[in-house]
Amino acid sequence: MSGKGNCYDNSMVEAVFKTIKAELIWRTVWRTRDQAEGAIARYIDGFYNPKRRHSALGYKSPIQFESHALKGAA
């Protein structure tokens, strides 16, 4: 950590938050906070973590990356 208020300290997390905002939050209007929380949870658990392609994984989804890694390990 380089200091208080330095966005580069947690740039990976900031990038994830920006992606969630751009792909979900800025495009949607919810009537309640509970609706928003549920939608964000479903996005993270149902799309971002298992299915969304990530540049750090060679533009494969985590499921594809893990499947490929398991085939290589066998």
PDB file of N, CA and C in Angstrom:
ATOM      1  N   MET A   1       0.843  -1.175   0.000  1.00  0.00           N
ATOM      2  CA  MET A   1       0.000   0.000   0.000  1.00  0.00           C
ATOM      3  C   MET A   1       0.890   1.240   0.000  1.00  0.00           C
ATOM      4  N   SER A   2       0.630   2.114  -0.911  1.00  0.00           N
ATOM      5  CA  SER A   2       1.471   3.301  -1.013  1.00  0.00           C
ATOM      6  C   SER A   2       0.919   4.506  -0.275  1.00  0.00           C
ATOM      7  N   GLY A   3      -0.327   4.486   0.064  1.00  0.00           N
ATOM      8  CA  GLY A   3      -0.851   5.620   0.820  1.00  0.00           C
ATOM      9  C   GLY A   3      -2.362   5.745   0.710  1.00  0.00           C
ATOM     10  N   LYS A   4      -2.906   6.524   1.605  1.00  0.00           N
ATOM     11  CA  LYS A   4      -4.348   6.737   1.670  1.00  0.00           C
ATOM     12  C   LYS A   4      -4.851   7.420   0.393  1.00  0.00           C
ATOM     13  N   GLY A   5      -5.933   6.878  -0.160  1.00  0.00           N
ATOM     14  CA  GLY A   5      -6.548   7.487  -1.319  1.00  0.00           C
ATOM     15  C   GLY A   5      -5.869   7.203  -2.639  1.00  0.00           C
ATOM     16  N   ASN A   6      -4.916   6.301  -2.676  1.00  0.00           N
ATOM     17  CA  ASN A   6      -4.228   5.969  -3.916  1.00  0.00           C
ATOM     18  C   ASN A   6      -4.978   4.838  -4.612  1.00  0.00           C
ATOM     19  N   CYS A   7      -5.616   5.144  -5.733  1.00  0.00           N
ATOM     20  CA  CYS A   7      -6.452   4.146  -6.417  1.00  0.00           C
ATOM     21  C   CYS A   7      -5.632   2.990  -6.980  1.00  0.00           C
ATOM     22  N   TYR A   8      -4.336   3.172  -7.155  1.00  0.00           N
ATOM     23  CA  TYR A   8      -3.514   2.098  -7.710  1.00  0.00           C
ATOM     24  C   TYR A   8      -3.236   1.002  -6.688  1.00  0.00           C
ATOM     25  N   ASP A   9      -3.498   1.267  -5.423  1.00  0.00           N
ATOM     26  CA  ASP A   9      -3.313   0.245  -4.395  1.00  0.00           C
ATOM     27  C   ASP A   9      -4.244  -0.940  -4.614  1.00  0.00           C
ATOM     28  N   ASN A  10      -5.423  -0.661  -5.077  1.00  0.00           N
ATOM     29  CA  ASN A  10      -6.387  -1.741  -5.295  1.00  0.00           C
ATOM     30  C   ASN A  10      -6.964  -1.651  -6.708  1.00  0.00           C
ATOM     31  N   SER A  11      -6.114  -1.503  -7.668  1.00  0.00           N
ATOM     32  CA  SER A  11      -6.553  -1.310  -9.053  1.00  0.00           C
ATOM     33  C   SER A  11      -7.326  -2.508  -9.599  1.00  0.00           C
ATOM     34  N   MET A  12      -6.989  -3.706  -9.169  1.00  0.00           N
ATOM     35  CA  MET A  12      -7.725  -4.882  -9.637  1.00  0.00           C
ATOM     36  C   MET A  12      -9.189  -4.821  -9.201  1.00  0.00           C
ATOM     37  N   VAL A  13      -9.407  -4.457  -7.949  1.00  0.00           N
ATOM     38  CA  VAL A  13     -10.779  -4.354  -7.441  1.00  0.00           C
ATOM     39  C   VAL A  13     -11.509  -3.208  -8.127  1.00  0.00           C
ATOM     40  N   GLU A  14     -10.822  -2.096  -8.324  1.00  0.00           N
ATOM     41  CA  GLU A  14     -11.433  -0.958  -9.006  1.00  0.00           C
ATOM     42  C   GLU A  14     -11.848  -1.346 -10.425  1.00  0.00           C
ATOM     43  N   ALA A  15     -11.050  -2.158 -11.095  1.00  0.00           N
ATOM     44  CA  ALA A  15     -11.384  -2.605 -12.443  1.00  0.00           C
ATOM     45  C   ALA A  15     -12.631  -3.486 -12.434  1.00  0.00           C
ATOM     46  N   VAL A  16     -12.749  -4.356 -11.452  1.00  0.00           N
ATOM     47  CA  VAL A  16     -13.937  -5.204 -11.333  1.00  0.00           C
ATOM     48  C   VAL A  16     -15.172  -4.339 -11.082  1.00  0.00           C
ATOM     49  N   PHE A  17     -15.063  -3.373 -10.167  1.00  0.00           N
ATOM     50  CA  PHE A  17     -16.193  -2.492  -9.882  1.00  0.00           C
ATOM     51  C   PHE A  17     -16.604  -1.714 -11.127  1.00  0.00           C
ATOM     52  N   LYS A  18     -15.649  -1.238 -11.899  1.00  0.00           N
ATOM     53  CA  LYS A  18     -15.944  -0.489 -13.128  1.00  0.00           C
ATOM     54  C   LYS A  18     -16.680  -1.375 -14.121  1.00  0.00           C
ATOM     55  N   THR A  19     -16.257  -2.617 -14.243  1.00  0.00           N
ATOM     56  CA  THR A  19     -16.910  -3.549 -15.163  1.00  0.00           C
ATOM     57  C   THR A  19     -18.349  -3.796 -14.741  1.00  0.00           C
ATOM     58  N   ILE A  20     -18.568  -4.030 -13.460  1.00  0.00           N
ATOM     59  CA  ILE A  20     -19.930  -4.262 -12.960  1.00  0.00           C
ATOM     60  C   ILE A  20     -20.801  -3.041 -13.206  1.00  0.00           C
ATOM     61  N   LYS A  21     -20.257  -1.870 -12.958  1.00  0.00           N
ATOM     62  CA  LYS A  21     -21.018  -0.640 -13.196  1.00  0.00           C
ATOM     63  C   LYS A  21     -21.367  -0.490 -14.672  1.00  0.00           C
ATOM     64  N   ALA A  22     -20.385  -0.701 -15.554  1.00  0.00           N
ATOM     65  CA  ALA A  22     -20.605  -0.502 -16.989  1.00  0.00           C
ATOM     66  C   ALA A  22     -21.540  -1.546 -17.587  1.00  0.00           C
ATOM     67  N   GLU A  23     -21.423  -2.793 -17.158  1.00  0.00           N
ATOM     68  CA  GLU A  23     -22.206  -3.869 -17.753  1.00  0.00           C
ATOM     69  C   GLU A  23     -23.569  -4.081 -17.110  1.00  0.00           C
ATOM     70  N   LEU A  24     -23.765  -3.565 -15.898  1.00  0.00           N
ATOM     71  CA  LEU A  24     -25.030  -3.823 -15.213  1.00  0.00           C
ATOM     72  C   LEU A  24     -25.653  -2.566 -14.614  1.00  0.00           C
ATOM     73  N   ILE A  25     -24.948  -1.912 -13.755  1.00  0.00           N
ATOM     74  CA  ILE A  25     -25.547  -0.861 -12.929  1.00  0.00           C
ATOM     75  C   ILE A  25     -25.991   0.344 -13.746  1.00  0.00           C
ATOM     76  N   TRP A  26     -25.136   0.868 -14.611  1.00  0.00           N
ATOM     77  CA  TRP A  26     -25.480   2.070 -15.375  1.00  0.00           C
ATOM     78  C   TRP A  26     -26.561   1.816 -16.411  1.00  0.00           C
ATOM     79  N   ARG A  27     -26.839   0.563 -16.712  1.00  0.00           N
ATOM     80  CA  ARG A  27     -27.835   0.215 -17.733  1.00  0.00           C
ATOM     81  C   ARG A  27     -29.200  -0.121 -17.149  1.00  0.00           C
ATOM     82  N   THR A  28     -29.322  -0.145 -15.844  1.00  0.00           N
ATOM     83  CA  THR A  28     -30.525  -0.657 -15.207  1.00  0.00           C
ATOM     84  C   THR A  28     -31.066   0.317 -14.171  1.00  0.00           C
ATOM     85  N   VAL A  29     -32.384   0.352 -14.055  1.00  0.00           N
ATOM     86  CA  VAL A  29     -33.039   1.138 -13.005  1.00  0.00           C
ATOM     87  C   VAL A  29     -33.830   0.160 -12.146  1.00  0.00           C
ATOM     88  N   TRP A  30     -33.570   0.168 -10.857  1.00  0.00           N
ATOM     89  CA  TRP A  30     -34.289  -0.695  -9.931  1.00  0.00           C
ATOM     90  C   TRP A  30     -35.228   0.142  -9.078  1.00  0.00           C
ATOM     91  N   ARG A  31     -36.293  -0.493  -8.653  1.00  0.00           N
ATOM     92  CA  ARG A  31     -37.264   0.211  -7.803  1.00  0.00           C
ATOM     93  C   ARG A  31     -36.873   0.173  -6.336  1.00  0.00           C
ATOM     94  N   THR A  32     -36.147  -0.873  -5.941  1.00  0.00           N
ATOM     95  CA  THR A  32     -35.764  -0.989  -4.534  1.00  0.00           C
ATOM     96  C   THR A  32     -34.298  -1.367  -4.423  1.00  0.00           C
ATOM     97  N   ARG A  33     -33.766  -1.131  -3.252  1.00  0.00           N
ATOM     98  CA  ARG A  33     -32.380  -1.524  -2.981  1.00  0.00           C
ATOM     99  C   ARG A  33     -32.239  -3.045  -3.028  1.00  0.00           C
ATOM    100  N   ASP A  34     -33.253  -3.757  -2.533  1.00  0.00           N
ATOM    101  CA  ASP A  34     -33.219  -5.220  -2.548  1.00  0.00           C
ATOM    102  C   ASP A  34     -33.134  -5.760  -3.978  1.00  0.00           C
ATOM    103  N   GLN A  35     -33.859  -5.143  -4.912  1.00  0.00           N
ATOM    104  CA  GLN A  35     -33.779  -5.559  -6.309  1.00  0.00           C
ATOM    105  C   GLN A  35     -32.360  -5.366  -6.840  1.00  0.00           C
ATOM    106  N   ALA A  36     -31.774  -4.235  -6.529  1.00  0.00           N
ATOM    107  CA  ALA A  36     -30.413  -3.946  -6.989  1.00  0.00           C
ATOM    108  C   ALA A  36     -29.419  -4.937  -6.390  1.00  0.00           C
ATOM    109  N   GLU A  37     -29.515  -5.181  -5.095  1.00  0.00           N
ATOM    110  CA  GLU A  37     -28.601  -6.116  -4.439  1.00  0.00           C
ATOM    111  C   GLU A  37     -28.732  -7.516  -5.026  1.00  0.00           C
ATOM    112  N   GLY A  38     -29.966  -7.952  -5.273  1.00  0.00           N
ATOM    113  CA  GLY A  38     -30.185  -9.271  -5.861  1.00  0.00           C
ATOM    114  C   GLY A  38     -29.619  -9.374  -7.266  1.00  0.00           C
ATOM    115  N   ALA A  39     -29.833  -8.329  -8.065  1.00  0.00           N
ATOM    116  CA  ALA A  39     -29.322  -8.329  -9.440  1.00  0.00           C
ATOM    117  C   ALA A  39     -27.800  -8.345  -9.460  1.00  0.00           C
ATOM    118  N   ILE A  40     -27.187  -7.581  -8.590  1.00  0.00           N
ATOM    119  CA  ILE A  40     -25.724  -7.544  -8.531  1.00  0.00           C
ATOM    120  C   ILE A  40     -25.177  -8.895  -8.084  1.00  0.00           C
ATOM    121  N   ALA A  41     -25.799  -9.496  -7.083  1.00  0.00           N
ATOM    122  CA  ALA A  41     -25.355 -10.812  -6.606  1.00  0.00           C
ATOM    123  C   ALA A  41     -25.475 -11.854  -7.714  1.00  0.00           C
ATOM    124  N   ARG A  42     -26.606 -11.849  -8.446  1.00  0.00           N
ATOM    125  CA  ARG A  42     -26.790 -12.801  -9.548  1.00  0.00           C
ATOM    126  C   ARG A  42     -25.768 -12.557 -10.660  1.00  0.00           C
ATOM    127  N   TYR A  43     -25.474 -11.289 -10.936  1.00  0.00           N
ATOM    128  CA  TYR A  43     -24.495 -10.961 -11.974  1.00  0.00           C
ATOM    129  C   TYR A  43     -23.121 -11.507 -11.601  1.00  0.00           C
ATOM    130  N   ILE A  44     -22.722 -11.284 -10.366  1.00  0.00           N
ATOM    131  CA  ILE A  44     -21.391 -11.726  -9.931  1.00  0.00           C
ATOM    132  C   ILE A  44     -21.318 -13.251  -9.871  1.00  0.00           C
ATOM    133  N   ASP A  45     -22.282 -13.878  -9.204  1.00  0.00           N
ATOM    134  CA  ASP A  45     -22.241 -15.332  -9.005  1.00  0.00           C
ATOM    135  C   ASP A  45     -22.655 -16.128 -10.237  1.00  0.00           C
ATOM    136  N   GLY A  46     -23.537 -15.558 -11.060  1.00  0.00           N
ATOM    137  CA  GLY A  46     -24.064 -16.304 -12.193  1.00  0.00           C
ATOM    138  C   GLY A  46     -23.430 -15.992 -13.531  1.00  0.00           C
ATOM    139  N   PHE A  47     -22.765 -14.825 -13.636  1.00  0.00           N
ATOM    140  CA  PHE A  47     -22.157 -14.466 -14.912  1.00  0.00           C
ATOM    141  C   PHE A  47     -20.689 -14.081 -14.772  1.00  0.00           C
ATOM    142  N   TYR A  48     -20.389 -13.090 -13.978  1.00  0.00           N
ATOM    143  CA  TYR A  48     -19.025 -12.557 -13.930  1.00  0.00           C
ATOM    144  C   TYR A  48     -18.015 -13.622 -13.510  1.00  0.00           C
ATOM    145  N   ASN A  49     -18.260 -14.286 -12.412  1.00  0.00           N
ATOM    146  CA  ASN A  49     -17.296 -15.282 -11.930  1.00  0.00           C
ATOM    147  C   ASN A  49     -17.234 -16.539 -12.794  1.00  0.00           C
ATOM    148  N   PRO A  50     -18.362 -17.146 -13.208  1.00  0.00           N
ATOM    149  CA  PRO A  50     -18.222 -18.399 -13.961  1.00  0.00           C
ATOM    150  C   PRO A  50     -18.156 -18.260 -15.482  1.00  0.00           C
ATOM    151  N   LYS A  51     -18.821 -17.261 -16.082  1.00  0.00           N
ATOM    152  CA  LYS A  51     -19.014 -17.270 -17.534  1.00  0.00           C
ATOM    153  C   LYS A  51     -18.332 -16.144 -18.303  1.00  0.00           C
ATOM    154  N   ARG A  52     -18.154 -14.997 -17.691  1.00  0.00           N
ATOM    155  CA  ARG A  52     -17.611 -13.850 -18.418  1.00  0.00           C
ATOM    156  C   ARG A  52     -16.156 -14.110 -18.806  1.00  0.00           C
ATOM    157  N   ARG A  53     -15.809 -13.779 -20.035  1.00  0.00           N
ATOM    158  CA  ARG A  53     -14.430 -13.963 -20.495  1.00  0.00           C
ATOM    159  C   ARG A  53     -13.539 -12.915 -19.851  1.00  0.00           C
ATOM    160  N   HIS A  54     -12.380 -13.355 -19.387  1.00  0.00           N
ATOM    161  CA  HIS A  54     -11.439 -12.474 -18.694  1.00  0.00           C
ATOM    162  C   HIS A  54     -10.124 -12.425 -19.463  1.00  0.00           C
ATOM    163  N   SER A  55      -9.601 -11.232 -19.638  1.00  0.00           N
ATOM    164  CA  SER A  55      -8.337 -11.084 -20.369  1.00  0.00           C
ATOM    165  C   SER A  55      -7.198 -11.801 -19.662  1.00  0.00           C
ATOM    166  N   ALA A  56      -7.224 -11.833 -18.344  1.00  0.00           N
ATOM    167  CA  ALA A  56      -6.157 -12.498 -17.584  1.00  0.00           C
ATOM    168  C   ALA A  56      -6.161 -14.009 -17.796  1.00  0.00           C
ATOM    169  N   LEU A  57      -7.258 -14.544 -18.323  1.00  0.00           N
ATOM    170  CA  LEU A  57      -7.360 -15.985 -18.577  1.00  0.00           C
ATOM    171  C   LEU A  57      -7.281 -16.280 -20.070  1.00  0.00           C
ATOM    172  N   GLY A  58      -6.686 -15.375 -20.822  1.00  0.00           N
ATOM    173  CA  GLY A  58      -6.584 -15.576 -22.258  1.00  0.00           C
ATOM    174  C   GLY A  58      -7.924 -15.444 -22.960  1.00  0.00           C
ATOM    175  N   TYR A  59      -8.774 -14.580 -22.438  1.00  0.00           N
ATOM    176  CA  TYR A  59     -10.122 -14.335 -22.970  1.00  0.00           C
ATOM    177  C   TYR A  59     -10.976 -15.599 -22.978  1.00  0.00           C
ATOM    178  N   LYS A  60     -10.773 -16.415 -21.961  1.00  0.00           N
ATOM    179  CA  LYS A  60     -11.633 -17.571 -21.722  1.00  0.00           C
ATOM    180  C   LYS A  60     -12.447 -17.286 -20.474  1.00  0.00           C
ATOM    181  N   SER A  61     -13.588 -17.938 -20.363  1.00  0.00           N
ATOM    182  CA  SER A  61     -14.351 -17.840 -19.129  1.00  0.00           C
ATOM    183  C   SER A  61     -13.635 -18.678 -18.071  1.00  0.00           C
ATOM    184  N   PRO A  62     -13.873 -18.396 -16.805  1.00  0.00           N
ATOM    185  CA  PRO A  62     -13.254 -19.231 -15.772  1.00  0.00           C
ATOM    186  C   PRO A  62     -13.602 -20.709 -15.917  1.00  0.00           C
ATOM    187  N   ILE A  63     -14.817 -21.015 -16.325  1.00  0.00           N
ATOM    188  CA  ILE A  63     -15.200 -22.420 -16.517  1.00  0.00           C
ATOM    189  C   ILE A  63     -14.379 -23.044 -17.642  1.00  0.00           C
ATOM    190  N   GLN A  64     -14.231 -22.317 -18.773  1.00  0.00           N
ATOM    191  CA  GLN A  64     -13.423 -22.831 -19.885  1.00  0.00           C
ATOM    192  C   GLN A  64     -11.965 -22.988 -19.469  1.00  0.00           C
ATOM    193  N   PHE A  65     -11.455 -21.999 -18.757  1.00  0.00           N
ATOM    194  CA  PHE A  65     -10.055 -22.032 -18.331  1.00  0.00           C
ATOM    195  C   PHE A  65      -9.792 -23.225 -17.415  1.00  0.00           C
ATOM    196  N   GLU A  66     -10.670 -23.444 -16.440  1.00  0.00           N
ATOM    197  CA  GLU A  66     -10.498 -24.565 -15.516  1.00  0.00           C
ATOM    198  C   GLU A  66     -10.628 -25.898 -16.238  1.00  0.00           C
ATOM    199  N   SER A  67     -11.567 -25.998 -17.163  1.00  0.00           N
ATOM    200  CA  SER A  67     -11.734 -27.229 -17.918  1.00  0.00           C
ATOM    201  C   SER A  67     -10.475 -27.533 -18.731  1.00  0.00           C
ATOM    202  N   HIS A  68      -9.933 -26.521 -19.381  1.00  0.00           N
ATOM    203  CA  HIS A  68      -8.711 -26.687 -20.165  1.00  0.00           C
ATOM    204  C   HIS A  68      -7.541 -27.076 -19.265  1.00  0.00           C
ATOM    205  N   ALA A  69      -7.453 -26.444 -18.095  1.00  0.00           N
ATOM    206  CA  ALA A  69      -6.357 -26.752 -17.152  1.00  0.00           C
ATOM    207  C   ALA A  69      -6.461 -28.182 -16.638  1.00  0.00           C
ATOM    208  N   LEU A  70      -7.687 -28.637 -16.383  1.00  0.00           N
ATOM    209  CA  LEU A  70      -7.858 -30.019 -15.909  1.00  0.00           C
ATOM    210  C   LEU A  70      -7.494 -31.029 -16.988  1.00  0.00           C
ATOM    211  N   LYS A  71      -7.808 -30.728 -18.239  1.00  0.00           N
ATOM    212  CA  LYS A  71      -7.441 -31.630 -19.334  1.00  0.00           C
ATOM    213  C   LYS A  71      -5.933 -31.708 -19.485  1.00  0.00           C
ATOM    214  N   GLY A  72      -5.260 -30.589 -19.280  1.00  0.00           N
ATOM    215  CA  GLY A  72      -3.801 -30.561 -19.368  1.00  0.00           C
ATOM    216  C   GLY A  72      -3.129 -31.271 -18.226  1.00  0.00           C
ATOM    217  N   ALA A  73      -3.783 -31.316 -17.071  1.00  0.00           N
ATOM    218  CA  ALA A  73      -3.207 -31.956 -15.892  1.00  0.00           C
ATOM    219  C   ALA A  73      -3.406 -33.470 -15.916  1.00  0.00           C
ATOM    220  N   ALA A  74      -4.352 -33.912 -16.710  1.00  0.00           N
ATOM    221  CA  ALA A  74      -4.646 -35.354 -16.725  1.00  0.00           C
ATOM    222  C   ALA A  74      -3.697 -36.137 -17.588  1.00  0.00           C
TER     223      ALA A  74
END
